[in-house]
Structures are given as C-alpha cells and as structure tokens.
C-alpha cells in the first residue's frame, strides 16, 4: 500500500508539472476576413494614412485603394473574444489578424462566421511566443562580443557591416549621394543589444524615431 501511494504521489506530481509547463504553449493562427465594413472613405485618406505616406504615394503615383483601409476592429475584437486568444498582429493590406491560442480547439468557434474568409494554422510555440526574456548575462556577453568585433574591423568606414554593404552594393549608392536623407527607415533584426554604441551618431542627432521589441511586446 505504501508503495502504491508513493508512486501515485510521484505520478500526480509529474502530471501537474507537465501541465504547468504545457500552459505556456501557444498555437498561432492567421484569420483572414472576407470584407471590410468601414466608415472611412477613400476620398479622405488622412483619416487613416499619414501625410508622409500620402506624399510618398503622390511621388510614385500610387493610388489609394481599399487595401489601405483599416481592418474592421469589431472583427478583431470578436475573434479574440470567441477564442480567448492573444492578439499578435494584423495587416490591413491582407485584411487579416494573427492570434495566439493556448487551446487550439477554440479556433473552431470562428468557422461558422461568414465574415471569416480563411483560417490557417501557421506556427506552434512550445514555450509561448512572447514568453522568452533575455537575461542580463546573455546581454553582457553579446555587448562584449560586439565591442571586440567593432574595434577589430575598423579599417572600413562600415566596420562590421562592410561585407554586407558591399554585397548589396550599398557603397555605390552612398557614393552616388543616396544616403537616406529625409527618409523614414525601418530596421528589423534579431536584436540590438548594442544600440547605444552602434547607433550613437543617430542618437546624438535625435534621429531614432522609435524602438519596439516584437518578442517581448515592449
């Protein structure tokens, strides 16, 4: 009897532990909508596009169309409410939202909705997509490695990026005078732990408009 109780307790502990760790899992689904009910108008694009975007469109003769209209917010809210999901991102051009579910079966609540055009299962994250945080020791290691790399590659004005720049002929663009003046440039990468040393000149000129961590959502 003691043996059975002992192993029963061990089994219960194991199941509880597995359940605890499994709670962090997330399934990613892409939900496309069939239409865009909206109060916005194509004749008044300043309500949903910036003046900078409109100027760029005019410069390149790109017309405003329905793909520029925002996603219908009530669709997104209903998707999250029915599935108890976590909002990840949405695209007005593709008229879709990406959500994260800890219980993948809840996606079935959306199938009867006639405003849902298509549902695709796109990814599985056993530890959760937004759960991981970089600890201080990892950050310090990357900073140290980055500083060494920077000082040992000082022969080129591009430093550690000289090979990548020449690969895409970026130096030829710069020589021709195209250096991004007056342009809003978005840079996506796996992470910038050395932002304040690698981009120090931009920071001094107050040229960093914004920063966002898509993993930690901050």
Foldseek 3Di string as FASTA:
>chain_A
DVVVVVVVVVVVVVVVVVVVLLLQKKWKKKWAFDDADDPDDQVCCVVQDPPVVVVVCVVVVNGDDQLSDAQHVVVVVVQCVQQVWAWQAAGSNRNITMTIHSDVVSNVSCVVDPRTDDMDGDDMDSRHQQPDDDDPVVLVVVVVVVVVQQVVQPPDPVRPCVVVCVVVVVVVCVVVPPDQPPHDDDDDDPDDSPCCPVVVVCVVVVNPPDDADSRNGD
